[in-house]
């Protein structure tokens, strides 16, 4: 047991709780209200609240990764292409690229077949792939 327990309050945002857990290298945080334990938040809870919605994890549809398209101008071109195709965007985010110095754009589409969108993106000069998702 630790004597100096790192804790949060019920009004702590998930972003702040994530930062606190990471900076203190802990996997769970007691939630205290007026010095009384009212709950516990785990890093797994934070995945469900932050990462899953951003990435569309657990959502039906197809996730695309568009390499190096995480900057505003490129992302706008990708979104315009998707809009013209008539496919709904369920979620999107950018992350550091493993292939480039630019951020990659991840887009979760509300479709089971994104091959037409993928083809159109490649015709516009984007490098993109369907990112496999295994539930």
Protein backbone atom coordinates (compact mmCIF):
# COMPACT_ATOMS: atom_id res chain seq x y z
CA UNK A 1 0.00 0.00 0.00
CA UNK A 2 1.14 3.52 -0.70
CA UNK A 3 0.88 6.32 1.81
CA UNK A 4 0.86 9.16 -0.74
CA UNK A 5 -2.02 8.00 -2.92
CA UNK A 6 -2.63 9.91 -6.14
CA UNK A 7 -6.36 10.57 -6.43
CA UNK A 8 -8.89 12.61 -8.40
CA UNK A 9 -12.27 14.13 -7.63
CA UNK A 10 -15.58 13.35 -9.39
CA UNK A 11 -15.33 16.57 -11.42
CA UNK A 12 -11.85 15.78 -12.81
CA UNK A 13 -12.03 15.57 -16.60
CA UNK A 14 -11.00 12.35 -18.33
CA UNK A 15 -8.19 14.26 -20.04
CA UNK A 16 -6.85 15.49 -16.71
CA UNK A 17 -7.23 12.06 -15.08
CA UNK A 18 -5.28 10.53 -17.97
CA UNK A 19 -2.46 13.04 -17.53
CA UNK A 20 -2.37 12.44 -13.77
CA UNK A 21 -2.27 8.65 -14.17
CA UNK A 22 0.46 8.82 -16.83
CA UNK A 23 2.65 11.29 -15.01
CA UNK A 24 2.44 9.22 -11.83
CA UNK A 25 2.83 5.91 -13.69
CA UNK A 26 -0.29 4.38 -12.13
CA UNK A 27 -3.02 2.26 -13.69
CA UNK A 28 -5.85 3.40 -11.45
CA UNK A 29 -6.90 6.45 -9.48
CA UNK A 30 -9.19 6.54 -6.46
CA UNK A 31 -11.98 9.07 -6.82
CA UNK A 32 -12.37 11.05 -3.59
CA UNK A 33 -15.13 13.46 -2.63
CA UNK A 34 -14.61 15.38 0.61
CA UNK A 35 -11.93 12.84 1.58
CA UNK A 36 -14.31 9.91 1.06
CA UNK A 37 -13.79 7.18 -1.55
CA UNK A 38 -16.65 7.33 -4.06
CA UNK A 39 -15.15 5.36 -6.92
CA UNK A 40 -12.10 4.36 -8.89
CA UNK A 41 -11.06 5.17 -12.43
CA UNK A 42 -8.71 2.86 -14.32
CA UNK A 43 -6.69 3.40 -17.46
CA UNK A 44 -9.07 0.94 -19.12
CA UNK A 45 -11.95 3.31 -18.28
CA UNK A 46 -9.97 6.09 -19.95
CA UNK A 47 -9.57 4.02 -23.12
CA UNK A 48 -13.34 3.62 -23.28
CA UNK A 49 -13.95 7.34 -22.71
CA UNK A 50 -11.20 8.81 -24.92
CA UNK A 51 -9.47 6.42 -27.30
CA UNK A 52 -12.43 4.35 -28.40
CA UNK A 53 -14.61 7.30 -29.46
CA UNK A 54 -11.69 9.06 -31.18
CA UNK A 55 -10.73 5.99 -33.16
CA UNK A 56 -14.23 4.59 -33.69
CA UNK A 57 -13.18 1.41 -31.86
CA UNK A 58 -16.18 -0.84 -31.39
CA UNK A 59 -18.18 1.05 -34.00
CA UNK A 60 -19.52 -0.58 -37.14
CA UNK A 61 -17.92 0.60 -40.34
CA UNK A 62 -14.48 0.88 -41.88
CA UNK A 63 -11.43 2.77 -40.62
CA UNK A 64 -9.11 4.42 -43.13
CA UNK A 65 -5.62 5.68 -42.47
CA UNK A 66 -4.49 8.46 -44.75
CA UNK A 67 -0.74 8.84 -44.39
CA UNK A 68 0.62 12.32 -43.83
CA UNK A 69 -2.84 13.91 -44.12
CA UNK A 70 -3.12 15.13 -40.54
CA UNK A 71 -2.57 18.79 -41.35
CA UNK A 72 -5.57 21.07 -41.95
CA UNK A 73 -5.25 21.42 -45.73
CA UNK A 74 -4.81 17.71 -46.40
CA UNK A 75 -7.52 16.75 -43.90
CA UNK A 76 -9.90 19.16 -45.60
CA UNK A 77 -9.20 17.52 -48.97
CA UNK A 78 -9.84 14.07 -47.49
CA UNK A 79 -13.10 15.18 -45.87
CA UNK A 80 -14.29 16.82 -49.09
CA UNK A 81 -13.59 13.59 -50.98
CA UNK A 82 -15.50 11.55 -48.40
CA UNK A 83 -18.37 14.06 -48.47
CA UNK A 84 -18.63 13.79 -52.27
CA UNK A 85 -18.83 10.01 -51.95
CA UNK A 86 -21.90 10.32 -49.73
CA UNK A 87 -20.39 8.26 -46.90
CA UNK A 88 -20.89 9.48 -43.34
CA UNK A 89 -17.85 10.08 -41.11
CA UNK A 90 -18.35 8.54 -37.65
CA UNK A 91 -15.04 9.57 -36.06
CA UNK A 92 -11.65 10.97 -36.99
CA UNK A 93 -8.36 11.87 -35.36
CA UNK A 94 -4.72 12.47 -36.17
CA UNK A 95 -1.66 10.75 -34.75
CA UNK A 96 2.06 10.83 -35.24
CA UNK A 97 2.98 8.92 -38.36
CA UNK A 98 5.12 5.83 -38.40
CA UNK A 99 6.03 6.53 -42.04
CA UNK A 100 6.43 10.31 -42.24
CA UNK A 101 7.17 13.40 -40.19
CA UNK A 102 3.58 14.58 -40.77
CA UNK A 103 0.63 13.28 -38.77
CA UNK A 104 -1.59 10.58 -40.24
CA UNK A 105 -5.36 11.00 -40.41
CA UNK A 106 -7.60 8.17 -39.18
CA UNK A 107 -11.22 8.25 -40.32
CA UNK A 108 -13.99 5.85 -39.25
CA UNK A 109 -16.61 5.64 -42.00
CA UNK A 110 -20.21 4.50 -41.65
CA UNK A 111 -19.96 1.92 -44.41
CA UNK A 112 -18.94 -1.70 -44.73
CA UNK A 113 -17.20 -1.10 -48.07
CA UNK A 114 -14.82 1.85 -48.38
CA UNK A 115 -13.06 0.71 -51.56
CA UNK A 116 -14.67 3.48 -53.66
CA UNK A 117 -13.58 6.16 -51.18
CA UNK A 118 -10.10 4.62 -50.98
CA UNK A 119 -9.80 4.62 -54.78
CA UNK A 120 -10.93 8.26 -54.99
CA UNK A 121 -8.44 9.32 -52.30
CA UNK A 122 -5.60 7.60 -54.16
CA UNK A 123 -6.68 9.29 -57.42
CA UNK A 124 -6.30 12.62 -55.59
CA UNK A 125 -2.74 11.69 -54.66
CA UNK A 126 -3.28 10.53 -51.08
CA UNK A 127 -1.55 7.45 -49.75
CA UNK A 128 -4.19 5.52 -47.83
CA UNK A 129 -5.16 2.07 -46.60
CA UNK A 130 -8.08 0.39 -44.93
CA UNK A 131 -7.03 -0.22 -41.33
CA UNK A 132 -8.18 -3.67 -40.30
CA UNK A 133 -10.24 -3.86 -37.12
CA UNK A 134 -10.69 -7.11 -35.26
CA UNK A 135 -13.25 -7.00 -32.43
